[in-house]
Amino acid sequence: MLGRQNTANQAHRFGNQVQTEAPASGCPEASAADTPKEDLSFWRRFHGGLALAITAGIFFVFLLAGVGKANSPRQVLGDLFRQPSTKNDARSSKYENDLDRLSPQTQAETLLELAIGNSEGANQEIARRAESWSGKLHLDSQLASDTAAALTSSDLSVRQSALEVQLAAYGLAKNSSTVDFLIHNAAASGHAQKTWALWALGALANRGVETARAEQALVSHLTDADADSRCWAVEGLALVGTTATIAPLLKAMHDDPSPTVRQRAAFSLAESGMLSHEQRLTALPQLVSFAQDSSLNSETHAWVFQALGDITKQRLPNDSAAWRNWYATAKGE
């Protein structure tokens, strides 16, 4: 999925060479074996195994100031987020100080695990600390596994936390200069440089940085000659999470000559990426129309039906008439 950002590549940040980890193999070749089967969520199957990388107690360390020699960061922070959040809560203040003593890497990893486990307050703490982590994190196998699992969470706020951590790991400042830099790199000839920039544009746009401009840049790359570039433009649009991205994603799903690009657009509309459920529902009329479109091949029709099922939670036959009738009834026609 778009959360599989695990391979290190070089990128240039404002004239300085820095080691980053660009998104890796997020756009695999689609094949007949990838066609979704009835009663099986293909998107979940495709993402399957990522969450298995998350294990309990990722880092057991002894904390200072008498926290307790058997306590791990996860245990300590779990206690913190179970406490009432008040300015005068001395115990919460103590745990905050304990958290500050951890390295940025351990803070990010532990807080992200807590967010994945739905610990109240973990997402807010990540948002509060993310800028202070910028350039101090390493996307090693542990943090890559954590962010991959977070990006497949059913909770959109957990997915947003994953983006915050990844942007901090890449050292990308949330400003227009970074958007300028990424737009320039997205037009570069180097494949790794370009695909990383397309992904990062979407992530920054999701966090409210030059969103409309980033959207426009990503849409422009949907017409690139290279299918892999178009695929990563789809991935970037999926991260943006605005209603305005739905139309270009639908167009890519219907019109792109590459089955991989069409598949990724279907994923993005159905489950992956940063669209809310309410936003995904607005794609239904066009998806129902696609189901009846004889110009689409059987592979694309299968993705259409799977997207309809995942968005609506209905398990109807892969039959355009059945979906047309269901939609008309749902609308009250």
C-alpha atoms as a PDB file:
ATOM      1  CA  MET A   1       0.000   0.000   0.000  1.00  0.00           C
ATOM      2  CA  LEU A   2       0.950   3.643  -0.001  1.00  0.00           C
ATOM      3  CA  GLY A   3       2.224   3.174   3.503  1.00  0.00           C
ATOM      4  CA  ARG A   4       5.056   0.865   2.428  1.00  0.00           C
ATOM      5  CA  GLN A   5       7.838   3.398   2.651  1.00  0.00           C
ATOM      6  CA  ASN A   6      10.779   1.136   3.485  1.00  0.00           C
ATOM      7  CA  THR A   7      13.667   1.613   1.015  1.00  0.00           C
ATOM      8  CA  ALA A   8      16.420   4.212   1.469  1.00  0.00           C
ATOM      9  CA  ASN A   9      17.162   6.604  -1.385  1.00  0.00           C
ATOM     10  CA  GLN A  10      19.012   9.887  -1.718  1.00  0.00           C
ATOM     11  CA  ALA A  11      17.123  13.188  -1.866  1.00  0.00           C
ATOM     12  CA  HIS A  12      18.312  16.766  -1.809  1.00  0.00           C
ATOM     13  CA  ARG A  13      16.787  19.150   0.702  1.00  0.00           C
ATOM     14  CA  PHE A  14      17.394  22.831   0.026  1.00  0.00           C
ATOM     15  CA  GLY A  15      20.890  22.286  -1.316  1.00  0.00           C
ATOM     16  CA  ASN A  16      22.026  19.774   1.310  1.00  0.00           C
ATOM     17  CA  GLN A  17      22.387  16.061   0.712  1.00  0.00           C
ATOM     18  CA  VAL A  18      20.411  14.140   3.270  1.00  0.00           C
ATOM     19  CA  GLN A  19      19.647  10.448   3.528  1.00  0.00           C
ATOM     20  CA  THR A  20      15.911   9.835   3.268  1.00  0.00           C
ATOM     21  CA  GLU A  21      13.729   6.809   2.859  1.00  0.00           C
ATOM     22  CA  ALA A  22      11.599   7.226  -0.214  1.00  0.00           C
ATOM     23  CA  PRO A  23       8.357   5.320  -0.713  1.00  0.00           C
ATOM     24  CA  ALA A  24       9.221   1.884  -2.021  1.00  0.00           C
ATOM     25  CA  SER A  25       7.262  -0.363  -4.375  1.00  0.00           C
ATOM     26  CA  GLY A  26       3.938   1.233  -3.516  1.00  0.00           C
ATOM     27  CA  CYS A  27       2.857   0.767  -7.116  1.00  0.00           C
ATOM     28  CA  PRO A  28       3.390  -2.928  -7.909  1.00  0.00           C
ATOM     29  CA  GLU A  29       2.317  -4.354 -11.233  1.00  0.00           C
ATOM     30  CA  ALA A  30      -1.332  -5.394 -11.273  1.00  0.00           C
ATOM     31  CA  SER A  31      -2.119  -8.858 -12.530  1.00  0.00           C
ATOM     32  CA  ALA A  32      -5.065 -11.159 -12.955  1.00  0.00           C
ATOM     33  CA  ALA A  33      -4.194 -12.756  -9.629  1.00  0.00           C
ATOM     34  CA  ASP A  34      -4.907  -9.400  -8.003  1.00  0.00           C
ATOM     35  CA  THR A  35      -8.532  -9.365  -9.115  1.00  0.00           C
ATOM     36  CA  PRO A  36     -10.698  -9.176  -5.985  1.00  0.00           C
ATOM     37  CA  LYS A  37     -12.842 -12.165  -5.117  1.00  0.00           C
ATOM     38  CA  GLU A  38     -16.369 -12.002  -3.764  1.00  0.00           C
ATOM     39  CA  ASP A  39     -16.627 -11.847   0.048  1.00  0.00           C
ATOM     40  CA  LEU A  40     -12.951 -10.983   0.377  1.00  0.00           C
ATOM     41  CA  SER A  41     -11.789  -7.416   0.869  1.00  0.00           C
ATOM     42  CA  PHE A  42      -8.923  -7.175  -1.583  1.00  0.00           C
ATOM     43  CA  TRP A  43      -7.637  -4.007  -0.037  1.00  0.00           C
ATOM     44  CA  ARG A  44      -7.296  -5.708   3.372  1.00  0.00           C
ATOM     45  CA  ARG A  45      -5.699  -8.747   1.766  1.00  0.00           C
ATOM     46  CA  PHE A  46      -3.290  -6.513  -0.123  1.00  0.00           C
ATOM     47  CA  HIS A  47      -2.311  -4.702   3.061  1.00  0.00           C
ATOM     48  CA  GLY A  48      -2.291  -7.912   5.093  1.00  0.00           C
ATOM     49  CA  GLY A  49       0.797  -8.652   7.101  1.00  0.00           C
ATOM     50  CA  LEU A  50       1.799  -5.061   7.698  1.00  0.00           C
ATOM     51  CA  ALA A  51       0.009  -4.900  11.019  1.00  0.00           C
ATOM     52  CA  LEU A  52       1.779  -8.117  12.033  1.00  0.00           C
ATOM     53  CA  ALA A  53       5.008  -6.114  12.108  1.00  0.00           C
ATOM     54  CA  ILE A  54       3.717  -4.350  15.218  1.00  0.00           C
ATOM     55  CA  THR A  55       4.551  -6.278  18.378  1.00  0.00           C
ATOM     56  CA  ALA A  56       3.972  -5.477  22.007  1.00  0.00           C
ATOM     57  CA  GLY A  57       6.737  -3.665  23.883  1.00  0.00           C
ATOM     58  CA  ILE A  58       8.950  -2.496  21.035  1.00  0.00           C
ATOM     59  CA  PHE A  59      11.554  -0.911  23.276  1.00  0.00           C
ATOM     60  CA  PHE A  60      12.142  -1.893  26.891  1.00  0.00           C
ATOM     61  CA  VAL A  61      14.371   0.678  28.547  1.00  0.00           C
ATOM     62  CA  PHE A  62      14.957   1.841  32.068  1.00  0.00           C
ATOM     63  CA  LEU A  63      13.624   5.345  32.574  1.00  0.00           C
ATOM     64  CA  LEU A  64      15.165   7.912  34.858  1.00  0.00           C
ATOM     65  CA  ALA A  65      13.671   9.666  37.876  1.00  0.00           C
ATOM     66  CA  GLY A  66      12.314   6.577  39.563  1.00  0.00           C
ATOM     67  CA  VAL A  67       9.681   5.653  36.996  1.00  0.00           C
ATOM     68  CA  GLY A  68      10.243   2.033  37.890  1.00  0.00           C
ATOM     69  CA  LYS A  69      12.900  -0.259  36.560  1.00  0.00           C
ATOM     70  CA  ALA A  70      10.444  -2.731  35.026  1.00  0.00           C
ATOM     71  CA  ASN A  71       8.481  -0.119  33.086  1.00  0.00           C
ATOM     72  CA  SER A  72       8.867   0.312  29.326  1.00  0.00           C
ATOM     73  CA  PRO A  73       8.096   3.570  27.498  1.00  0.00           C
ATOM     74  CA  ARG A  74       4.893   1.999  26.250  1.00  0.00           C
ATOM     75  CA  GLN A  75       3.774   1.117  29.785  1.00  0.00           C
ATOM     76  CA  VAL A  76       4.675   4.534  31.135  1.00  0.00           C
ATOM     77  CA  LEU A  77       2.971   6.396  28.309  1.00  0.00           C
ATOM     78  CA  GLY A  78      -0.039   4.120  28.522  1.00  0.00           C
ATOM     79  CA  ASP A  79      -0.384   5.223  32.134  1.00  0.00           C
ATOM     80  CA  LEU A  80       0.010   8.839  31.055  1.00  0.00           C
ATOM     81  CA  PHE A  81      -2.807   8.705  28.523  1.00  0.00           C
ATOM     82  CA  ARG A  82      -5.133   7.064  31.019  1.00  0.00           C
ATOM     83  CA  GLN A  83      -4.728  10.068  33.324  1.00  0.00           C
ATOM     84  CA  PRO A  84      -7.123  13.044  33.299  1.00  0.00           C
ATOM     85  CA  SER A  85      -5.687  15.870  31.239  1.00  0.00           C
ATOM     86  CA  THR A  86      -5.489  18.871  33.559  1.00  0.00           C
ATOM     87  CA  LYS A  87      -2.829  21.519  34.050  1.00  0.00           C
ATOM     88  CA  ASN A  88      -2.683  20.809  37.787  1.00  0.00           C
ATOM     89  CA  ASP A  89      -2.349  17.055  37.464  1.00  0.00           C
ATOM     90  CA  ALA A  90       1.059  16.485  39.092  1.00  0.00           C
ATOM     91  CA  ARG A  91       1.169  12.852  38.032  1.00  0.00           C
ATOM     92  CA  SER A  92       0.528  13.689  34.365  1.00  0.00           C
ATOM     93  CA  SER A  93       3.221  16.372  34.587  1.00  0.00           C
ATOM     94  CA  LYS A  94       5.654  13.772  35.932  1.00  0.00           C
ATOM     95  CA  TYR A  95       4.970  11.421  33.029  1.00  0.00           C
ATOM     96  CA  GLU A  96       5.346  14.309  30.579  1.00  0.00           C
ATOM     97  CA  ASN A  97       8.815  14.899  32.012  1.00  0.00           C
ATOM     98  CA  ASP A  98       9.606  11.196  31.668  1.00  0.00           C
ATOM     99  CA  LEU A  99       8.534  11.324  28.024  1.00  0.00           C
ATOM    100  CA  ASP A 100      10.801  14.323  27.435  1.00  0.00           C
ATOM    101  CA  ARG A 101      13.777  12.264  28.659  1.00  0.00           C
ATOM    102  CA  LEU A 102      13.304   9.708  25.891  1.00  0.00           C
ATOM    103  CA  SER A 103      15.052  10.150  22.563  1.00  0.00           C
ATOM    104  CA  PRO A 104      12.913  11.569  19.734  1.00  0.00           C
ATOM    105  CA  GLN A 105      13.110   8.185  17.984  1.00  0.00           C
ATOM    106  CA  THR A 106      11.724   6.321  21.005  1.00  0.00           C
ATOM    107  CA  GLN A 107       9.079   8.986  21.586  1.00  0.00           C
ATOM    108  CA  ALA A 108       7.858   8.651  17.990  1.00  0.00           C
ATOM    109  CA  GLU A 109       7.877   4.864  17.938  1.00  0.00           C
ATOM    110  CA  THR A 110       6.155   4.464  21.279  1.00  0.00           C
ATOM    111  CA  LEU A 111       3.553   7.169  20.727  1.00  0.00           C
ATOM    112  CA  LEU A 112       2.728   5.765  17.296  1.00  0.00           C
ATOM    113  CA  GLU A 113       2.242   2.297  18.783  1.00  0.00           C
ATOM    114  CA  LEU A 114      -0.068   3.793  21.383  1.00  0.00           C
ATOM    115  CA  ALA A 115      -1.988   5.601  18.647  1.00  0.00           C
ATOM    116  CA  ILE A 116      -2.386   2.334  16.732  1.00  0.00           C
ATOM    117  CA  GLY A 117      -3.708   0.795  19.954  1.00  0.00           C
ATOM    118  CA  ASN A 118      -6.254   3.648  20.255  1.00  0.00           C
ATOM    119  CA  SER A 119      -4.719   5.136  23.393  1.00  0.00           C
ATOM    120  CA  GLU A 120      -6.502   8.402  24.035  1.00  0.00           C
ATOM    121  CA  GLY A 121      -4.271  11.428  23.576  1.00  0.00           C
ATOM    122  CA  ALA A 122      -1.488   9.701  21.618  1.00  0.00           C
ATOM    123  CA  ASN A 123      -2.431  11.307  18.285  1.00  0.00           C
ATOM    124  CA  GLN A 124      -2.578  14.754  19.870  1.00  0.00           C
ATOM    125  CA  GLU A 125       0.822  14.218  21.462  1.00  0.00           C
ATOM    126  CA  ILE A 126       2.318  13.188  18.123  1.00  0.00           C
ATOM    127  CA  ALA A 127       0.905  16.319  16.473  1.00  0.00           C
ATOM    128  CA  ARG A 128       2.312  18.462  19.277  1.00  0.00           C
ATOM    129  CA  ARG A 129       5.806  16.963  19.130  1.00  0.00           C
ATOM    130  CA  ALA A 130       6.219  16.227  15.411  1.00  0.00           C
ATOM    131  CA  GLU A 131       7.950  19.473  14.466  1.00  0.00           C
ATOM    132  CA  SER A 132      10.494  19.042  17.264  1.00  0.00           C
ATOM    133  CA  TRP A 133      11.309  15.593  15.825  1.00  0.00           C
ATOM    134  CA  SER A 134      12.042  16.955  12.342  1.00  0.00           C
ATOM    135  CA  GLY A 135      15.352  15.625  11.050  1.00  0.00           C
ATOM    136  CA  LYS A 136      15.943  13.627  14.252  1.00  0.00           C
ATOM    137  CA  LEU A 137      14.126  10.421  13.274  1.00  0.00           C
ATOM    138  CA  HIS A 138      15.357   7.478  11.227  1.00  0.00           C
ATOM    139  CA  LEU A 139      12.942   5.371   9.191  1.00  0.00           C
ATOM    140  CA  ASP A 140      14.515   2.127  10.344  1.00  0.00           C
ATOM    141  CA  SER A 141      12.654  -1.175  10.119  1.00  0.00           C
ATOM    142  CA  GLN A 142      10.812  -0.551  13.405  1.00  0.00           C
ATOM    143  CA  LEU A 143       9.531   2.906  12.559  1.00  0.00           C
ATOM    144  CA  ALA A 144       8.744   1.844   8.988  1.00  0.00           C
ATOM    145  CA  SER A 145       6.650  -1.047  10.345  1.00  0.00           C
ATOM    146  CA  ASP A 146       4.873   1.269  12.775  1.00  0.00           C
ATOM    147  CA  THR A 147       4.023   3.837  10.105  1.00  0.00           C
ATOM    148  CA  ALA A 148       2.915   1.116   7.676  1.00  0.00           C
ATOM    149  CA  ALA A 149       0.520  -0.287  10.266  1.00  0.00           C
ATOM    150  CA  ALA A 150      -0.730   3.189  11.167  1.00  0.00           C
ATOM    151  CA  LEU A 151      -1.483   3.946   7.517  1.00  0.00           C
ATOM    152  CA  THR A 152      -3.773   0.894   7.353  1.00  0.00           C
ATOM    153  CA  SER A 153      -5.664   1.842  10.521  1.00  0.00           C
ATOM    154  CA  SER A 154      -9.419   2.302  10.250  1.00  0.00           C
ATOM    155  CA  ASP A 155      -8.991   5.477  12.316  1.00  0.00           C
ATOM    156  CA  LEU A 156      -8.163   8.427  10.061  1.00  0.00           C
ATOM    157  CA  SER A 157      -6.454  10.292  12.896  1.00  0.00           C
ATOM    158  CA  VAL A 158      -3.979   7.410  13.272  1.00  0.00           C
ATOM    159  CA  ARG A 159      -3.195   7.587   9.553  1.00  0.00           C
ATOM    160  CA  GLN A 160      -2.604  11.325   9.961  1.00  0.00           C
ATOM    161  CA  SER A 161      -0.206  10.601  12.813  1.00  0.00           C
ATOM    162  CA  ALA A 162       1.752   8.298  10.502  1.00  0.00           C
ATOM    163  CA  LEU A 163       2.135  11.157   8.015  1.00  0.00           C
ATOM    164  CA  GLU A 164       3.328  13.478  10.779  1.00  0.00           C
ATOM    165  CA  VAL A 165       6.007  10.969  11.789  1.00  0.00           C
ATOM    166  CA  GLN A 166       7.123  10.311   8.228  1.00  0.00           C
ATOM    167  CA  LEU A 167       7.382  14.009   7.379  1.00  0.00           C
ATOM    168  CA  ALA A 168       9.443  14.524  10.543  1.00  0.00           C
ATOM    169  CA  ALA A 169      11.703  11.606   9.571  1.00  0.00           C
ATOM    170  CA  TYR A 170      12.258  13.146   6.131  1.00  0.00           C
ATOM    171  CA  GLY A 171      13.014  16.518   7.741  1.00  0.00           C
ATOM    172  CA  LEU A 172      10.431  18.280   5.588  1.00  0.00           C
ATOM    173  CA  ALA A 173       9.374  21.665   6.934  1.00  0.00           C
ATOM    174  CA  LYS A 174       5.707  22.542   6.562  1.00  0.00           C
ATOM    175  CA  ASN A 175       6.051  25.647   4.394  1.00  0.00           C
ATOM    176  CA  SER A 176       5.769  26.873   0.822  1.00  0.00           C
ATOM    177  CA  SER A 177       9.525  26.532   0.226  1.00  0.00           C
ATOM    178  CA  THR A 178       9.227  22.791   0.778  1.00  0.00           C
ATOM    179  CA  VAL A 179       6.355  22.633  -1.701  1.00  0.00           C
ATOM    180  CA  ASP A 180       8.496  24.526  -4.249  1.00  0.00           C
ATOM    181  CA  PHE A 181      11.298  22.029  -3.681  1.00  0.00           C
ATOM    182  CA  LEU A 182       9.008  19.014  -4.068  1.00  0.00           C
ATOM    183  CA  ILE A 183       7.303  20.327  -7.210  1.00  0.00           C
ATOM    184  CA  HIS A 184      10.767  20.836  -8.709  1.00  0.00           C
ATOM    185  CA  ASN A 185      11.808  17.297  -7.753  1.00  0.00           C
ATOM    186  CA  ALA A 186       8.563  15.814  -9.069  1.00  0.00           C
ATOM    187  CA  ALA A 187       9.573  17.152 -12.498  1.00  0.00           C
ATOM    188  CA  ALA A 188      13.067  15.642 -12.236  1.00  0.00           C
ATOM    189  CA  SER A 189      14.268  12.781 -14.394  1.00  0.00           C
ATOM    190  CA  GLY A 190      15.478  10.631 -11.500  1.00  0.00           C
ATOM    191  CA  HIS A 191      12.852   7.997 -10.744  1.00  0.00           C
ATOM    192  CA  ALA A 192      13.413   7.674  -6.976  1.00  0.00           C
ATOM    193  CA  GLN A 193      13.637  11.442  -6.564  1.00  0.00           C
ATOM    194  CA  LYS A 194      10.411  11.951  -8.503  1.00  0.00           C
ATOM    195  CA  THR A 195       8.293   9.296  -6.824  1.00  0.00           C
ATOM    196  CA  TRP A 196       9.398  10.393  -3.373  1.00  0.00           C
ATOM    197  CA  ALA A 197       8.451  13.993  -4.213  1.00  0.00           C
ATOM    198  CA  LEU A 198       4.990  12.977  -5.463  1.00  0.00           C
ATOM    199  CA  TRP A 199       4.327  11.068  -2.247  1.00  0.00           C
ATOM    200  CA  ALA A 200       5.639  13.886  -0.042  1.00  0.00           C
ATOM    201  CA  LEU A 201       3.523  16.489  -1.858  1.00  0.00           C
ATOM    202  CA  GLY A 202       0.411  14.535  -0.938  1.00  0.00           C
ATOM    203  CA  ALA A 203       1.514  14.134   2.672  1.00  0.00           C
ATOM    204  CA  LEU A 204       2.243  17.847   3.089  1.00  0.00           C
ATOM    205  CA  ALA A 205      -1.044  18.802   1.422  1.00  0.00           C
ATOM    206  CA  ASN A 206      -2.880  16.575   3.894  1.00  0.00           C
ATOM    207  CA  ARG A 207      -1.302  18.513   6.744  1.00  0.00           C
ATOM    208  CA  GLY A 208      -2.632  21.774   5.279  1.00  0.00           C
ATOM    209  CA  VAL A 209       0.493  23.022   3.488  1.00  0.00           C
ATOM    210  CA  GLU A 210      -0.331  24.635   0.124  1.00  0.00           C
ATOM    211  CA  THR A 211      -3.053  22.023  -0.385  1.00  0.00           C
ATOM    212  CA  ALA A 212      -4.610  23.412  -3.575  1.00  0.00           C
ATOM    213  CA  ARG A 213      -1.212  23.962  -5.205  1.00  0.00           C
ATOM    214  CA  ALA A 214      -0.024  20.483  -4.315  1.00  0.00           C
ATOM    215  CA  GLU A 215      -3.255  18.983  -5.687  1.00  0.00           C
ATOM    216  CA  GLN A 216      -2.772  20.833  -8.961  1.00  0.00           C
ATOM    217  CA  ALA A 217       0.806  19.608  -9.273  1.00  0.00           C
ATOM    218  CA  LEU A 218      -0.189  16.001  -8.576  1.00  0.00           C
ATOM    219  CA  VAL A 219      -3.071  16.107 -11.078  1.00  0.00           C
ATOM    220  CA  SER A 220      -0.659  17.403 -13.725  1.00  0.00           C
ATOM    221  CA  HIS A 221       1.446  14.255 -13.305  1.00  0.00           C
ATOM    222  CA  LEU A 222      -1.527  12.007 -14.062  1.00  0.00           C
ATOM    223  CA  THR A 223      -0.709  12.610 -17.732  1.00  0.00           C
ATOM    224  CA  ASP A 224       2.988  11.683 -17.485  1.00  0.00           C
ATOM    225  CA  ALA A 225       4.218   9.243 -20.116  1.00  0.00           C
ATOM    226  CA  ASP A 226       5.672   6.965 -17.435  1.00  0.00           C
ATOM    227  CA  ALA A 227       3.019   4.753 -15.801  1.00  0.00           C
ATOM    228  CA  ASP A 228       4.948   4.536 -12.538  1.00  0.00           C
ATOM    229  CA  SER A 229       4.971   8.325 -12.246  1.00  0.00           C
ATOM    230  CA  ARG A 230       1.221   8.388 -12.848  1.00  0.00           C
ATOM    231  CA  CYS A 231       0.819   5.701 -10.224  1.00  0.00           C
ATOM    232  CA  TRP A 232       2.694   7.748  -7.642  1.00  0.00           C
ATOM    233  CA  ALA A 233       0.666  10.813  -8.582  1.00  0.00           C
ATOM    234  CA  VAL A 234      -2.396   8.730  -7.673  1.00  0.00           C
ATOM    235  CA  GLU A 235      -0.742   7.753  -4.382  1.00  0.00           C
ATOM    236  CA  GLY A 236      -0.020  11.406  -3.637  1.00  0.00           C
ATOM    237  CA  LEU A 237      -3.610  12.430  -4.402  1.00  0.00           C
ATOM    238  CA  ALA A 238      -4.861   9.650  -2.127  1.00  0.00           C
ATOM    239  CA  LEU A 239      -2.901  11.191   0.738  1.00  0.00           C
ATOM    240  CA  VAL A 240      -4.289  14.705   0.226  1.00  0.00           C
ATOM    241  CA  GLY A 241      -7.706  13.697   1.543  1.00  0.00           C
ATOM    242  CA  THR A 242      -9.827  16.475   0.011  1.00  0.00           C
ATOM    243  CA  THR A 243     -13.085  16.035  -1.865  1.00  0.00           C
ATOM    244  CA  ALA A 244     -11.476  17.746  -4.859  1.00  0.00           C
ATOM    245  CA  THR A 245      -9.208  14.703  -5.374  1.00  0.00           C
ATOM    246  CA  ILE A 246     -12.107  12.320  -5.982  1.00  0.00           C
ATOM    247  CA  ALA A 247     -12.790  13.420  -9.569  1.00  0.00           C
ATOM    248  CA  PRO A 248      -9.189  12.944 -10.811  1.00  0.00           C
ATOM    249  CA  LEU A 249      -8.984   9.603  -8.992  1.00  0.00           C
ATOM    250  CA  LEU A 250     -12.176   8.450 -10.715  1.00  0.00           C
ATOM    251  CA  LYS A 251     -10.819   9.610 -14.059  1.00  0.00           C
ATOM    252  CA  ALA A 252      -7.570   7.707 -13.506  1.00  0.00           C
ATOM    253  CA  MET A 253      -9.514   4.598 -12.520  1.00  0.00           C
ATOM    254  CA  HIS A 254     -11.593   4.795 -15.701  1.00  0.00           C
ATOM    255  CA  ASP A 255      -9.204   6.130 -18.320  1.00  0.00           C
ATOM    256  CA  ASP A 256      -5.607   5.278 -17.506  1.00  0.00           C
ATOM    257  CA  PRO A 257      -4.135   2.696 -19.910  1.00  0.00           C
ATOM    258  CA  SER A 258      -2.118   1.057 -17.107  1.00  0.00           C
ATOM    259  CA  PRO A 259      -3.951  -1.575 -15.019  1.00  0.00           C
ATOM    260  CA  THR A 260      -1.644  -0.740 -12.119  1.00  0.00           C
ATOM    261  CA  VAL A 261      -2.697   2.909 -12.126  1.00  0.00           C
ATOM    262  CA  ARG A 262      -6.376   1.980 -12.416  1.00  0.00           C
ATOM    263  CA  GLN A 263      -5.975  -0.461  -9.543  1.00  0.00           C
ATOM    264  CA  ARG A 264      -4.268   2.085  -7.293  1.00  0.00           C
ATOM    265  CA  ALA A 265      -6.965   4.648  -8.026  1.00  0.00           C
ATOM    266  CA  ALA A 266      -9.599   2.075  -7.047  1.00  0.00           C
ATOM    267  CA  PHE A 267      -7.755   1.349  -3.793  1.00  0.00           C
ATOM    268  CA  SER A 268      -7.574   5.053  -3.027  1.00  0.00           C
ATOM    269  CA  LEU A 269     -11.294   5.559  -3.531  1.00  0.00           C
ATOM    270  CA  ALA A 270     -12.276   2.435  -1.597  1.00  0.00           C
ATOM    271  CA  GLU A 271     -10.134   2.244   1.531  1.00  0.00           C
ATOM    272  CA  SER A 272      -6.547   3.424   1.359  1.00  0.00           C
ATOM    273  CA  GLY A 273      -5.376   7.004   1.619  1.00  0.00           C
ATOM    274  CA  MET A 274      -6.845   9.823   3.663  1.00  0.00           C
ATOM    275  CA  LEU A 275     -10.414  10.295   2.410  1.00  0.00           C
ATOM    276  CA  SER A 276     -13.124  10.114   5.051  1.00  0.00           C
ATOM    277  CA  HIS A 277     -15.993   7.658   4.701  1.00  0.00           C
ATOM    278  CA  GLU A 278     -18.349  10.535   3.936  1.00  0.00           C
ATOM    279  CA  GLN A 279     -16.081  11.689   1.114  1.00  0.00           C
ATOM    280  CA  ARG A 280     -15.864   8.183  -0.320  1.00  0.00           C
ATOM    281  CA  LEU A 281     -19.645   8.010  -0.434  1.00  0.00           C
ATOM    282  CA  THR A 282     -19.677  10.883  -2.923  1.00  0.00           C
ATOM    283  CA  ALA A 283     -17.895   8.623  -5.436  1.00  0.00           C
ATOM    284  CA  LEU A 284     -20.806   6.153  -5.494  1.00  0.00           C
ATOM    285  CA  PRO A 285     -22.798   7.645  -8.398  1.00  0.00           C
ATOM    286  CA  GLN A 286     -19.794   7.486 -10.707  1.00  0.00           C
ATOM    287  CA  LEU A 287     -18.793   4.020  -9.517  1.00  0.00           C
ATOM    288  CA  VAL A 288     -22.320   2.727 -10.170  1.00  0.00           C
ATOM    289  CA  SER A 289     -22.031   4.245 -13.644  1.00  0.00           C
ATOM    290  CA  PHE A 290     -18.657   2.545 -14.135  1.00  0.00           C
ATOM    291  CA  ALA A 291     -20.264  -0.785 -13.227  1.00  0.00           C
ATOM    292  CA  GLN A 292     -22.511  -0.411 -16.274  1.00  0.00           C
ATOM    293  CA  ASP A 293     -19.788   0.865 -18.600  1.00  0.00           C
ATOM    294  CA  SER A 294     -19.110  -1.707 -21.307  1.00  0.00           C
ATOM    295  CA  SER A 295     -15.898   0.075 -22.323  1.00  0.00           C
ATOM    296  CA  LEU A 296     -14.190  -1.118 -19.140  1.00  0.00           C
ATOM    297  CA  ASN A 297     -12.584  -4.551 -19.082  1.00  0.00           C
ATOM    298  CA  SER A 298     -13.463  -7.305 -16.619  1.00  0.00           C
ATOM    299  CA  GLU A 299     -10.457  -6.561 -14.406  1.00  0.00           C
ATOM    300  CA  THR A 300     -11.469  -2.928 -13.929  1.00  0.00           C
ATOM    301  CA  HIS A 301     -15.104  -3.939 -13.390  1.00  0.00           C
ATOM    302  CA  ALA A 302     -13.950  -6.253 -10.598  1.00  0.00           C
ATOM    303  CA  TRP A 303     -12.190  -3.341  -8.880  1.00  0.00           C
ATOM    304  CA  VAL A 304     -15.305  -1.198  -9.337  1.00  0.00           C
ATOM    305  CA  PHE A 305     -17.498  -3.802  -7.633  1.00  0.00           C
ATOM    306  CA  GLN A 306     -14.993  -4.256  -4.822  1.00  0.00           C
ATOM    307  CA  ALA A 307     -14.810  -0.503  -4.260  1.00  0.00           C
ATOM    308  CA  LEU A 308     -18.606  -0.302  -4.157  1.00  0.00           C
ATOM    309  CA  GLY A 309     -18.709  -3.087  -1.601  1.00  0.00           C
ATOM    310  CA  ASP A 310     -16.004  -1.658   0.617  1.00  0.00           C
ATOM    311  CA  ILE A 311     -17.472   1.839   0.628  1.00  0.00           C
ATOM    312  CA  THR A 312     -21.069   0.791   1.249  1.00  0.00           C
ATOM    313  CA  LYS A 313     -20.375  -2.372   3.311  1.00  0.00           C
ATOM    314  CA  GLN A 314     -22.897  -4.125   1.059  1.00  0.00           C
ATOM    315  CA  ARG A 315     -22.099  -7.556  -0.359  1.00  0.00           C
ATOM    316  CA  LEU A 316     -24.014  -7.681  -3.609  1.00  0.00           C
ATOM    317  CA  PRO A 317     -23.208  -9.809  -6.651  1.00  0.00           C
ATOM    318  CA  ASN A 318     -20.780  -8.397  -9.189  1.00  0.00           C
ATOM    319  CA  ASP A 319     -23.734  -7.320 -11.266  1.00  0.00           C
ATOM    320  CA  SER A 320     -24.356  -3.784 -12.512  1.00  0.00           C
ATOM    321  CA  ALA A 321     -28.149  -4.112 -12.337  1.00  0.00           C
ATOM    322  CA  ALA A 322     -27.997  -5.229  -8.700  1.00  0.00           C
ATOM    323  CA  TRP A 323     -25.895  -2.213  -7.772  1.00  0.00           C
ATOM    324  CA  ARG A 324     -28.034   0.164  -9.823  1.00  0.00           C
ATOM    325  CA  ASN A 325     -31.176  -1.072  -8.070  1.00  0.00           C
ATOM    326  CA  TRP A 326     -29.554  -0.906  -4.640  1.00  0.00           C
ATOM    327  CA  TYR A 327     -28.345   2.637  -5.247  1.00  0.00           C
ATOM    328  CA  ALA A 328     -31.750   3.789  -6.479  1.00  0.00           C
ATOM    329  CA  THR A 329     -33.362   2.323  -3.361  1.00  0.00           C
ATOM    330  CA  ALA A 330     -30.730   3.874  -1.088  1.00  0.00           C
ATOM    331  CA  LYS A 331     -31.420   7.289  -2.642  1.00  0.00           C
ATOM    332  CA  GLY A 332     -35.157   6.792  -2.168  1.00  0.00           C
ATOM    333  CA  GLU A 333     -36.013   6.708  -5.847  1.00  0.00           C
END
